[in-house]
């Protein structure tokens, strides 16, 4: 081990376990015509002894800043809601923008601003310059994991109040305090998969070079899988970087969007390749019937995922308490398209296997059916998990399941298209450059596209 490598490891450990870690940080600027503005939400963990033994679960730190120090803003209150039916859901589900400010305030938890109770006094206290405010809350939760929602209100119009909220699950390690209960562990998950994908990338690169050196070109299926794996590899690496950065500073970034876009392209190319293989393209035949229809369905599949991503990134309201109807409809449409892919794949594999006489190629069809038949139900399972799993476990459950099946899908495909096997499956042999073709070579390549 070199001195530089040891120094890098020491630096990484120092950063990882030092006080550099903060909670999830949300920034924004709010204005309101009725004097009420939602700021953010966070999922806190729980401890059954939290209430009795006063065990701290989390902390909330809210900082406010006026547009101008001399601007007059009527006293603001910080309102705290939970996810129980008689709290924030009463505000959001019963007309978030239609209820009066006073009605919205009435559903807040522990808001006793005029009661004299110090624990319930959440009135904003500006600093001596009358421009900044800083308020901290402690969270104790003994029943279950819970989402808490925060808003400010004075029931009079105000403009451009900048805010920063820092949430912490203090019962976690410093590396995980930034994460809500609903996403805790995603940093570890992708830091686990990133090295595995790097290893797969090495094998895939070696296989690609071997294909090229052996044949002087790359078969279309090899190219398609190379593109699919490249996008998935980029997605996993960017997810790992995003969550590692988030573990250290709690700040969201656009790295997450890049990872999601890359993952979408990797998934679409992989399903296209599997459909082509199931039809026997470049395995049993050089012809592909219905290719325009297949490409059209793949385009629909791609566009649906892009629409969902745009909605999640720019339109989705973080104040929502349930899965929005638009999102659920898009998920069901995506599910229908995927089921159509699955039916097409299974039927095509069956027909290709039945009509193929070459035993090695029949073996490929059988392996595709055994390995990727079950994979075809992965998206429906993910959608079921999205709808059925409790909100504080939903995202983690879906991500773990999707990451495992995607990793297996890529690993198995690397195995199937390995150079020593691909020559038996695909029509990829070409005459060597600068060599006169022979009758035998023409016969070998008679089904090449």
Protein backbone atom coordinates (compact mmCIF):
# COMPACT_ATOMS: atom_id res chain seq x y z
CA UNK A 1 0.00 0.00 0.00
CA UNK A 2 1.51 3.31 -1.08
CA UNK A 3 1.69 6.32 1.18
CA UNK A 4 -0.60 8.33 -1.10
CA UNK A 5 -3.25 5.61 -1.09
CA UNK A 6 -3.07 5.38 2.70
CA UNK A 7 -3.40 9.17 2.96
CA UNK A 8 -6.48 9.11 0.72
CA UNK A 9 -8.10 6.45 2.89
CA UNK A 10 -7.35 8.41 6.06
CA UNK A 11 -8.79 11.59 4.51
CA UNK A 12 -11.93 9.72 3.44
CA UNK A 13 -12.45 8.31 6.94
CA UNK A 14 -11.93 11.73 8.52
CA UNK A 15 -14.54 13.28 6.21
CA UNK A 16 -16.89 10.38 6.75
CA UNK A 17 -16.96 10.43 10.51
CA UNK A 18 -16.18 14.04 11.30
CA UNK A 19 -18.48 16.91 12.19
CA UNK A 20 -18.63 17.82 8.48
CA UNK A 21 -21.90 15.89 8.40
CA UNK A 22 -25.11 17.88 8.67
CA UNK A 23 -28.79 17.06 8.24
CA UNK A 24 -30.85 17.20 5.08
CA UNK A 25 -30.84 20.84 3.99
CA UNK A 26 -33.69 22.47 2.07
CA UNK A 27 -33.46 26.01 0.71
CA UNK A 28 -36.19 28.20 -0.73
CA UNK A 29 -37.93 31.54 -0.93
CA UNK A 30 -41.65 31.83 -0.11
CA UNK A 31 -44.29 34.50 -0.64
CA UNK A 32 -47.93 34.26 0.34
CA UNK A 33 -51.08 36.28 -0.28
CA UNK A 34 -52.92 34.76 2.67
CA UNK A 35 -49.98 34.64 5.08
CA UNK A 36 -49.38 30.87 5.02
CA UNK A 37 -46.48 29.03 3.32
CA UNK A 38 -45.33 25.41 3.35
CA UNK A 39 -41.58 24.96 3.88
CA UNK A 40 -40.73 21.27 3.85
CA UNK A 41 -41.16 17.78 5.26
CA UNK A 42 -38.99 15.01 6.65
CA UNK A 43 -39.48 11.43 7.80
CA UNK A 44 -38.23 10.88 11.34
CA UNK A 45 -37.53 7.48 12.84
CA UNK A 46 -38.93 6.32 16.15
CA UNK A 47 -38.13 4.59 19.41
CA UNK A 48 -40.82 3.00 21.63
CA UNK A 49 -39.07 4.46 24.68
CA UNK A 50 -38.73 7.95 23.19
CA UNK A 51 -41.67 9.41 25.09
CA UNK A 52 -41.13 7.76 28.47
CA UNK A 53 -37.35 8.09 28.59
CA UNK A 54 -37.15 11.34 26.66
CA UNK A 55 -34.97 9.78 23.96
CA UNK A 56 -34.23 12.30 21.24
CA UNK A 57 -35.10 11.07 17.73
CA UNK A 58 -34.35 14.08 15.58
CA UNK A 59 -33.86 17.80 15.28
CA UNK A 60 -35.17 20.55 13.04
CA UNK A 61 -33.33 23.82 12.52
CA UNK A 62 -35.20 26.56 10.62
CA UNK A 63 -33.51 29.79 9.52
CA UNK A 64 -35.49 32.68 8.03
CA UNK A 65 -34.32 35.85 6.33
CA UNK A 66 -36.32 38.90 5.30
CA UNK A 67 -35.86 40.50 1.92
CA UNK A 68 -35.00 43.75 3.70
CA UNK A 69 -34.16 44.22 7.36
CA UNK A 70 -36.44 47.25 7.68
CA UNK A 71 -39.36 45.51 6.00
CA UNK A 72 -42.32 45.15 8.32
CA UNK A 73 -43.58 41.59 8.61
CA UNK A 74 -46.24 40.75 11.16
CA UNK A 75 -45.10 38.19 13.73
CA UNK A 76 -44.67 34.82 12.05
CA UNK A 77 -45.32 31.47 13.65
CA UNK A 78 -43.60 28.23 12.72
CA UNK A 79 -46.29 25.55 12.46
CA UNK A 80 -45.55 21.87 12.93
CA UNK A 81 -47.82 19.15 11.46
CA UNK A 82 -47.56 15.37 11.42
CA UNK A 83 -48.90 12.79 8.96
CA UNK A 84 -51.90 11.71 11.03
CA UNK A 85 -55.29 12.13 9.39
CA UNK A 86 -56.31 15.03 11.63
CA UNK A 87 -53.16 17.09 11.00
CA UNK A 88 -51.43 17.89 7.68
CA UNK A 89 -53.71 15.65 5.57
CA UNK A 90 -56.62 17.82 6.75
CA UNK A 91 -54.80 20.84 5.33
CA UNK A 92 -53.57 19.38 2.04
CA UNK A 93 -56.37 16.97 1.17
CA UNK A 94 -59.18 19.38 2.04
CA UNK A 95 -58.10 22.17 -0.24
CA UNK A 96 -54.54 23.18 0.55
CA UNK A 97 -55.01 26.49 -1.25
CA UNK A 98 -58.72 26.95 -0.46
CA UNK A 99 -58.77 26.85 3.33
CA UNK A 100 -58.30 30.10 5.19
CA UNK A 101 -55.03 30.74 6.97
CA UNK A 102 -56.75 30.38 10.34
CA UNK A 103 -58.17 27.00 9.33
CA UNK A 104 -54.75 25.78 8.24
CA UNK A 105 -53.22 26.94 11.51
CA UNK A 106 -55.84 25.09 13.54
CA UNK A 107 -54.55 21.68 12.43
CA UNK A 108 -50.96 22.29 13.58
CA UNK A 109 -49.50 20.12 16.34
CA UNK A 110 -48.37 21.58 19.65
CA UNK A 111 -49.04 25.12 18.47
CA UNK A 112 -49.93 27.00 21.62
CA UNK A 113 -48.38 30.34 20.85
CA UNK A 114 -50.45 32.25 23.40
CA UNK A 115 -50.60 29.55 26.04
CA UNK A 116 -47.37 30.50 27.76
CA UNK A 117 -46.14 26.94 27.35
CA UNK A 118 -42.45 27.24 26.41
CA UNK A 119 -42.47 23.92 24.60
CA UNK A 120 -45.29 25.09 22.35
CA UNK A 121 -44.05 28.62 21.69
CA UNK A 122 -42.88 28.62 18.06
CA UNK A 123 -43.14 32.32 17.32
CA UNK A 124 -40.34 33.60 15.08
CA UNK A 125 -37.87 35.79 16.96
CA UNK A 126 -35.88 38.07 14.67
CA UNK A 127 -32.33 39.04 15.60
CA UNK A 128 -31.21 42.51 16.68
CA UNK A 129 -30.92 43.62 13.04
CA UNK A 130 -34.50 42.46 12.50
CA UNK A 131 -33.51 40.45 9.43
CA UNK A 132 -32.60 36.92 10.52
CA UNK A 133 -34.26 34.25 12.62
CA UNK A 134 -33.04 30.86 13.81
CA UNK A 135 -35.24 28.29 15.57
CA UNK A 136 -34.52 24.72 16.64
CA UNK A 137 -36.94 21.92 17.52
CA UNK A 138 -36.40 18.53 19.11
CA UNK A 139 -38.36 15.52 17.85
CA UNK A 140 -39.52 12.67 20.09
CA UNK A 141 -41.44 9.83 18.46
CA UNK A 142 -42.54 6.59 20.14
CA UNK A 143 -45.38 5.25 17.97
CA UNK A 144 -43.95 4.70 14.47
CA UNK A 145 -41.84 6.42 11.82
CA UNK A 146 -43.57 9.67 10.93
CA UNK A 147 -43.43 12.46 8.39
CA UNK A 148 -43.40 15.94 9.89
CA UNK A 149 -44.42 19.00 7.83
CA UNK A 150 -43.38 22.59 8.54
CA UNK A 151 -44.96 25.89 7.53
CA UNK A 152 -44.86 29.55 8.52
CA UNK A 153 -47.93 31.75 8.96
CA UNK A 154 -49.12 35.13 10.18
CA UNK A 155 -52.33 35.34 8.10
CA UNK A 156 -51.18 38.54 6.41
CA UNK A 157 -49.47 38.84 3.01
CA UNK A 158 -45.68 38.59 2.99
CA UNK A 159 -43.11 38.40 0.20
CA UNK A 160 -39.78 36.73 -0.44
CA UNK A 161 -38.85 35.30 2.90
CA UNK A 162 -35.82 33.10 2.33
CA UNK A 163 -35.59 29.95 4.40
CA UNK A 164 -33.22 27.09 5.13
CA UNK A 165 -34.37 23.96 6.96
CA UNK A 166 -31.96 21.39 8.31
CA UNK A 167 -33.45 18.05 9.34
CA UNK A 168 -31.60 15.40 11.32
CA UNK A 169 -32.35 11.88 12.45
CA UNK A 170 -30.00 12.23 15.42
CA UNK A 171 -30.31 8.60 16.51
CA UNK A 172 -28.43 7.58 13.35
CA UNK A 173 -24.68 7.65 12.82
CA UNK A 174 -23.16 10.85 11.46
CA UNK A 175 -23.00 9.25 8.00
CA UNK A 176 -26.79 8.70 7.99
CA UNK A 177 -28.25 11.61 9.98
CA UNK A 178 -29.02 13.48 6.76
CA UNK A 179 -31.41 10.78 5.60
CA UNK A 180 -35.07 10.53 6.39
CA UNK A 181 -36.33 7.19 7.65
CA UNK A 182 -37.81 6.60 4.18
CA UNK A 183 -34.43 6.70 2.36
CA UNK A 184 -31.95 5.67 5.06
CA UNK A 185 -29.46 3.20 3.62
CA UNK A 186 -29.48 4.36 -0.01
CA UNK A 187 -25.95 5.70 0.42
CA UNK A 188 -24.73 2.31 1.63
CA UNK A 189 -26.69 0.53 -1.11
CA UNK A 190 -25.08 2.42 -3.98
CA UNK A 191 -21.64 2.44 -2.38
CA UNK A 192 -22.04 -1.35 -2.34
CA UNK A 193 -23.18 -1.64 -5.97
CA UNK A 194 -20.72 0.89 -7.43
CA UNK A 195 -17.63 -1.36 -6.97
CA UNK A 196 -19.60 -4.32 -8.31
CA UNK A 197 -20.46 -2.39 -11.45
CA UNK A 198 -16.84 -1.33 -11.82
CA UNK A 199 -15.89 -5.02 -11.78
CA UNK A 200 -18.62 -5.78 -14.33
CA UNK A 201 -17.37 -2.89 -16.47
CA UNK A 202 -13.89 -4.44 -16.53
CA UNK A 203 -15.30 -7.78 -17.67
CA UNK A 204 -17.54 -6.10 -20.25
CA UNK A 205 -14.60 -4.10 -21.63
CA UNK A 206 -12.45 -7.24 -21.89
CA UNK A 207 -15.28 -9.06 -23.67
CA UNK A 208 -15.79 -6.16 -26.09
CA UNK A 209 -12.09 -6.02 -26.97
CA UNK A 210 -12.08 -9.79 -27.48
CA UNK A 211 -15.08 -9.57 -29.81
CA UNK A 212 -13.33 -6.87 -31.80
CA UNK A 213 -9.97 -8.62 -31.96
CA UNK A 214 -11.54 -11.92 -32.97
CA UNK A 215 -13.93 -10.68 -35.63
CA UNK A 216 -12.74 -7.24 -36.63
CA UNK A 217 -16.10 -5.65 -35.80
CA UNK A 218 -18.81 -5.64 -33.13
CA UNK A 219 -22.04 -7.55 -33.62
CA UNK A 220 -25.23 -5.38 -33.33
CA UNK A 221 -26.35 -7.25 -30.20
CA UNK A 222 -22.95 -6.63 -28.58
CA UNK A 223 -23.28 -2.93 -29.44
CA UNK A 224 -26.79 -2.73 -27.99
CA UNK A 225 -25.77 -4.42 -24.76
CA UNK A 226 -22.65 -2.26 -24.55
CA UNK A 227 -24.82 0.87 -24.79
CA UNK A 228 -27.32 -0.45 -22.24
CA UNK A 229 -24.60 -1.41 -19.77
CA UNK A 230 -22.81 1.92 -20.24
CA UNK A 231 -25.93 3.89 -19.30
CA UNK A 232 -26.65 1.65 -16.30
CA UNK A 233 -23.02 1.89 -15.15
CA UNK A 234 -23.14 5.70 -15.35
CA UNK A 235 -26.42 5.71 -13.41
CA UNK A 236 -25.05 3.62 -10.53
CA UNK A 237 -21.82 5.63 -10.30
CA UNK A 238 -23.74 8.92 -10.29
CA UNK A 239 -26.18 7.60 -7.68
CA UNK A 240 -23.21 6.61 -5.50
CA UNK A 241 -21.64 10.08 -5.90
CA UNK A 242 -24.98 11.80 -5.23
CA UNK A 243 -25.74 9.89 -2.03
CA UNK A 244 -22.14 10.09 -0.79
CA UNK A 245 -22.23 13.87 -1.25
CA UNK A 246 -25.64 13.98 0.43
CA UNK A 247 -24.25 11.98 3.36
CA UNK A 248 -21.60 14.64 3.86
CA UNK A 249 -23.51 17.90 3.37
CA UNK A 250 -27.23 17.07 3.18
CA UNK A 251 -27.57 19.10 -0.02
CA UNK A 252 -29.58 17.86 -3.00
CA UNK A 253 -28.01 18.22 -6.45
CA UNK A 254 -28.74 17.62 -10.13
CA UNK A 255 -26.46 14.58 -10.11
CA UNK A 256 -29.55 12.60 -9.15
CA UNK A 257 -31.36 13.70 -12.34
CA UNK A 258 -28.43 12.68 -14.54
CA UNK A 259 -28.42 9.25 -12.89
CA UNK A 260 -32.16 8.79 -13.44
CA UNK A 261 -31.99 9.80 -17.12
CA UNK A 262 -29.07 7.45 -17.70
CA UNK A 263 -30.92 4.63 -15.95
CA UNK A 264 -33.98 5.16 -18.15
CA UNK A 265 -31.94 4.87 -21.36
CA UNK A 266 -30.18 1.76 -20.07
CA UNK A 267 -33.50 0.09 -19.27
CA UNK A 268 -35.09 0.93 -22.64
CA UNK A 269 -32.10 -0.34 -24.65
CA UNK A 270 -31.97 -3.55 -22.60
CA UNK A 271 -35.64 -4.35 -23.14
CA UNK A 272 -35.27 -3.60 -26.87
CA UNK A 273 -32.31 -5.97 -27.09
CA UNK A 274 -34.19 -8.73 -25.26
CA UNK A 275 -37.15 -8.37 -27.61
CA UNK A 276 -34.82 -8.64 -30.61
CA UNK A 277 -33.16 -11.73 -29.16
CA UNK A 278 -36.52 -13.33 -28.45
CA UNK A 279 -37.43 -12.94 -32.13
CA UNK A 280 -34.24 -14.74 -33.08
CA UNK A 281 -32.72 -11.72 -34.79
CA UNK A 282 -29.06 -12.50 -35.70
CA UNK A 283 -29.49 -15.89 -34.00
CA UNK A 284 -31.87 -17.82 -36.25
CA UNK A 285 -32.76 -15.24 -38.87
CA UNK A 286 -31.53 -12.03 -40.42
CA UNK A 287 -35.07 -10.74 -40.85
CA UNK A 288 -37.08 -8.91 -38.22
CA UNK A 289 -40.79 -8.55 -38.76
CA UNK A 290 -42.70 -5.79 -36.96
CA UNK A 291 -39.56 -3.77 -36.17
CA UNK A 292 -41.33 -0.43 -36.65
CA UNK A 293 -44.06 -1.41 -34.18
CA UNK A 294 -41.45 -2.61 -31.69
CA UNK A 295 -39.46 0.61 -31.94
CA UNK A 296 -42.68 2.63 -31.56
CA UNK A 297 -43.62 0.82 -28.34
CA UNK A 298 -40.07 1.32 -27.03
CA UNK A 299 -40.42 5.03 -27.79
CA UNK A 300 -43.70 5.16 -25.85
CA UNK A 301 -41.99 3.36 -22.96
CA UNK A 302 -39.15 5.88 -23.04
CA UNK A 303 -41.47 8.90 -23.19
CA UNK A 304 -43.61 7.67 -20.29
CA UNK A 305 -40.51 7.41 -18.08
CA UNK A 306 -39.30 10.85 -19.18
CA UNK A 307 -42.72 12.35 -18.40
CA UNK A 308 -42.68 10.77 -14.93
CA UNK A 309 -39.16 12.08 -14.30
CA UNK A 310 -40.09 15.62 -15.41
CA UNK A 311 -43.14 15.52 -13.18
CA UNK A 312 -41.13 14.27 -10.19
CA UNK A 313 -38.41 16.88 -10.74
CA UNK A 314 -40.44 19.99 -11.51
CA UNK A 315 -44.16 19.53 -10.78
CA UNK A 316 -44.59 17.13 -7.87
CA UNK A 317 -45.70 18.91 -4.72
CA UNK A 318 -43.58 17.89 -1.72
CA UNK A 319 -46.52 18.82 0.49
CA UNK A 320 -48.60 15.93 -0.91
CA UNK A 321 -49.62 13.23 1.55
CA UNK A 322 -50.63 10.50 -0.92
CA UNK A 323 -49.49 9.24 -4.32
CA UNK A 324 -50.98 11.79 -6.77
CA UNK A 325 -53.51 10.54 -9.32
CA UNK A 326 -51.38 11.67 -12.28
CA UNK A 327 -48.37 9.75 -10.99
CA UNK A 328 -50.42 6.63 -10.34
CA UNK A 329 -51.95 6.77 -13.83
CA UNK A 330 -48.50 7.09 -15.41
CA UNK A 331 -47.27 4.14 -13.36
CA UNK A 332 -50.18 2.00 -14.50
CA UNK A 333 -49.61 2.96 -18.15
CA UNK A 334 -45.94 2.10 -17.72
CA UNK A 335 -47.00 -1.18 -16.19
CA UNK A 336 -49.24 -2.00 -19.16
CA UNK A 337 -46.45 -1.31 -21.65
CA UNK A 338 -44.05 -3.47 -19.65
CA UNK A 339 -46.57 -6.31 -19.47
CA UNK A 340 -46.93 -6.03 -23.25
CA UNK A 341 -43.15 -6.36 -23.54
CA UNK A 342 -43.26 -9.39 -21.26
CA UNK A 343 -46.00 -11.11 -23.28
CA UNK A 344 -44.16 -10.35 -26.52
CA UNK A 345 -40.91 -11.70 -25.09
CA UNK A 346 -42.37 -14.96 -23.75
CA UNK A 347 -44.38 -15.71 -26.90
CA UNK A 348 -41.45 -14.89 -29.20
CA UNK A 349 -39.02 -16.97 -27.15
CA UNK A 350 -41.38 -19.92 -27.32
CA UNK A 351 -41.79 -19.66 -31.10
CA UNK A 352 -38.05 -19.17 -31.66
CA UNK A 353 -37.18 -22.14 -29.45
CA UNK A 354 -39.75 -24.32 -31.14
CA UNK A 355 -38.56 -23.56 -34.68
CA UNK A 356 -34.78 -23.67 -33.96
CA UNK A 357 -32.92 -26.91 -34.75
CA UNK A 358 -29.43 -25.92 -33.63
CA UNK A 359 -29.03 -27.28 -30.09
CA UNK A 360 -26.71 -24.51 -28.92
CA UNK A 361 -29.07 -21.82 -30.15
CA UNK A 362 -32.01 -23.62 -28.56
CA UNK A 363 -29.99 -23.55 -25.36
CA UNK A 364 -29.67 -19.77 -25.65
CA UNK A 365 -33.44 -19.36 -26.03
CA UNK A 366 -33.96 -21.57 -22.99
CA UNK A 367 -31.51 -19.52 -20.92
CA UNK A 368 -33.14 -16.27 -22.01
CA UNK A 369 -36.54 -17.65 -20.98
CA UNK A 370 -35.29 -18.90 -17.61
CA UNK A 371 -33.25 -15.81 -16.72
CA UNK A 372 -35.29 -12.98 -18.23
CA UNK A 373 -38.82 -14.39 -18.07
CA UNK A 374 -38.95 -13.65 -14.32
CA UNK A 375 -37.18 -10.31 -14.92
CA UNK A 376 -40.15 -9.26 -17.04
CA UNK A 377 -42.29 -9.03 -13.91
CA UNK A 378 -39.80 -6.81 -12.07
CA UNK A 379 -41.43 -3.51 -13.05
CA UNK A 380 -44.95 -4.63 -12.06
CA UNK A 381 -43.51 -5.78 -8.73
CA UNK A 382 -41.83 -2.37 -8.27
CA UNK A 383 -45.11 -0.60 -8.98
CA UNK A 384 -46.95 -2.85 -6.53
CA UNK A 385 -44.32 -2.02 -3.90
CA UNK A 386 -44.73 1.70 -4.66
CA UNK A 387 -48.46 1.54 -4.06
CA UNK A 388 -48.62 -1.06 -1.27
CA UNK A 389 -45.62 -0.39 1.00
CA UNK A 390 -45.91 2.12 3.85
CA UNK A 391 -44.60 5.60 2.90
CA UNK A 392 -41.65 5.43 5.30
CA UNK A 393 -40.42 2.16 3.71
CA UNK A 394 -41.56 2.68 0.11
CA UNK A 395 -38.62 4.30 -1.65
CA UNK A 396 -36.01 2.15 0.05
CA UNK A 397 -37.90 -1.09 -0.71
CA UNK A 398 -38.42 -0.20 -4.38
CA UNK A 399 -34.81 0.93 -4.87
CA UNK A 400 -33.31 -2.18 -3.24
CA UNK A 401 -35.49 -4.50 -5.31
CA UNK A 402 -34.82 -2.63 -8.56
CA UNK A 403 -31.06 -2.46 -7.92
CA UNK A 404 -30.78 -6.19 -7.29
CA UNK A 405 -32.77 -7.33 -10.35
CA UNK A 406 -31.00 -4.82 -12.62
CA UNK A 407 -27.59 -5.97 -11.43
CA UNK A 408 -28.53 -9.60 -12.05
CA UNK A 409 -29.90 -8.76 -15.51
CA UNK A 410 -26.62 -7.13 -16.53
CA UNK A 411 -24.45 -9.83 -14.96
CA UNK A 412 -26.32 -12.63 -16.72
CA UNK A 413 -26.16 -10.84 -20.08
CA UNK A 414 -22.38 -10.41 -19.76
CA UNK A 415 -22.21 -14.15 -19.17
CA UNK A 416 -24.44 -14.97 -22.16
CA UNK A 417 -22.62 -12.76 -24.68
CA UNK A 418 -19.12 -13.71 -23.52
CA UNK A 419 -16.93 -14.25 -26.62
CA UNK A 420 -16.50 -17.99 -26.08
CA UNK A 421 -20.28 -18.46 -26.13
CA UNK A 422 -21.32 -15.73 -28.54
CA UNK A 423 -19.71 -17.51 -31.50
CA UNK A 424 -22.09 -20.41 -30.90
CA UNK A 425 -25.14 -18.18 -30.60
CA UNK A 426 -24.78 -15.29 -33.02
CA UNK A 427 -23.96 -15.01 -36.69
CA UNK A 428 -20.94 -12.83 -36.08
CA UNK A 429 -18.08 -14.46 -37.96
CA UNK A 430 -16.72 -12.43 -40.89
CA UNK A 431 -13.86 -13.07 -43.29
CA UNK A 432 -10.62 -11.64 -41.95
CA UNK A 433 -9.55 -8.41 -43.62
CA UNK A 434 -7.01 -8.86 -46.44
CA UNK A 435 -7.95 -12.51 -46.84
CA UNK A 436 -9.74 -13.82 -49.92
CA UNK A 437 -13.13 -15.23 -48.92
CA UNK A 438 -13.65 -18.92 -49.26
CA UNK A 439 -16.78 -20.92 -49.88
CA UNK A 440 -16.74 -22.06 -46.29
CA UNK A 441 -16.56 -18.50 -44.99
CA UNK A 442 -19.50 -17.49 -47.17
CA UNK A 443 -21.48 -20.37 -45.77
CA UNK A 444 -20.65 -19.40 -42.21
CA UNK A 445 -21.81 -15.86 -42.81
CA UNK A 446 -24.89 -16.57 -44.88
CA UNK A 447 -27.21 -15.34 -42.13
CA UNK A 448 -25.23 -12.28 -41.15
CA UNK A 449 -27.07 -8.96 -41.28
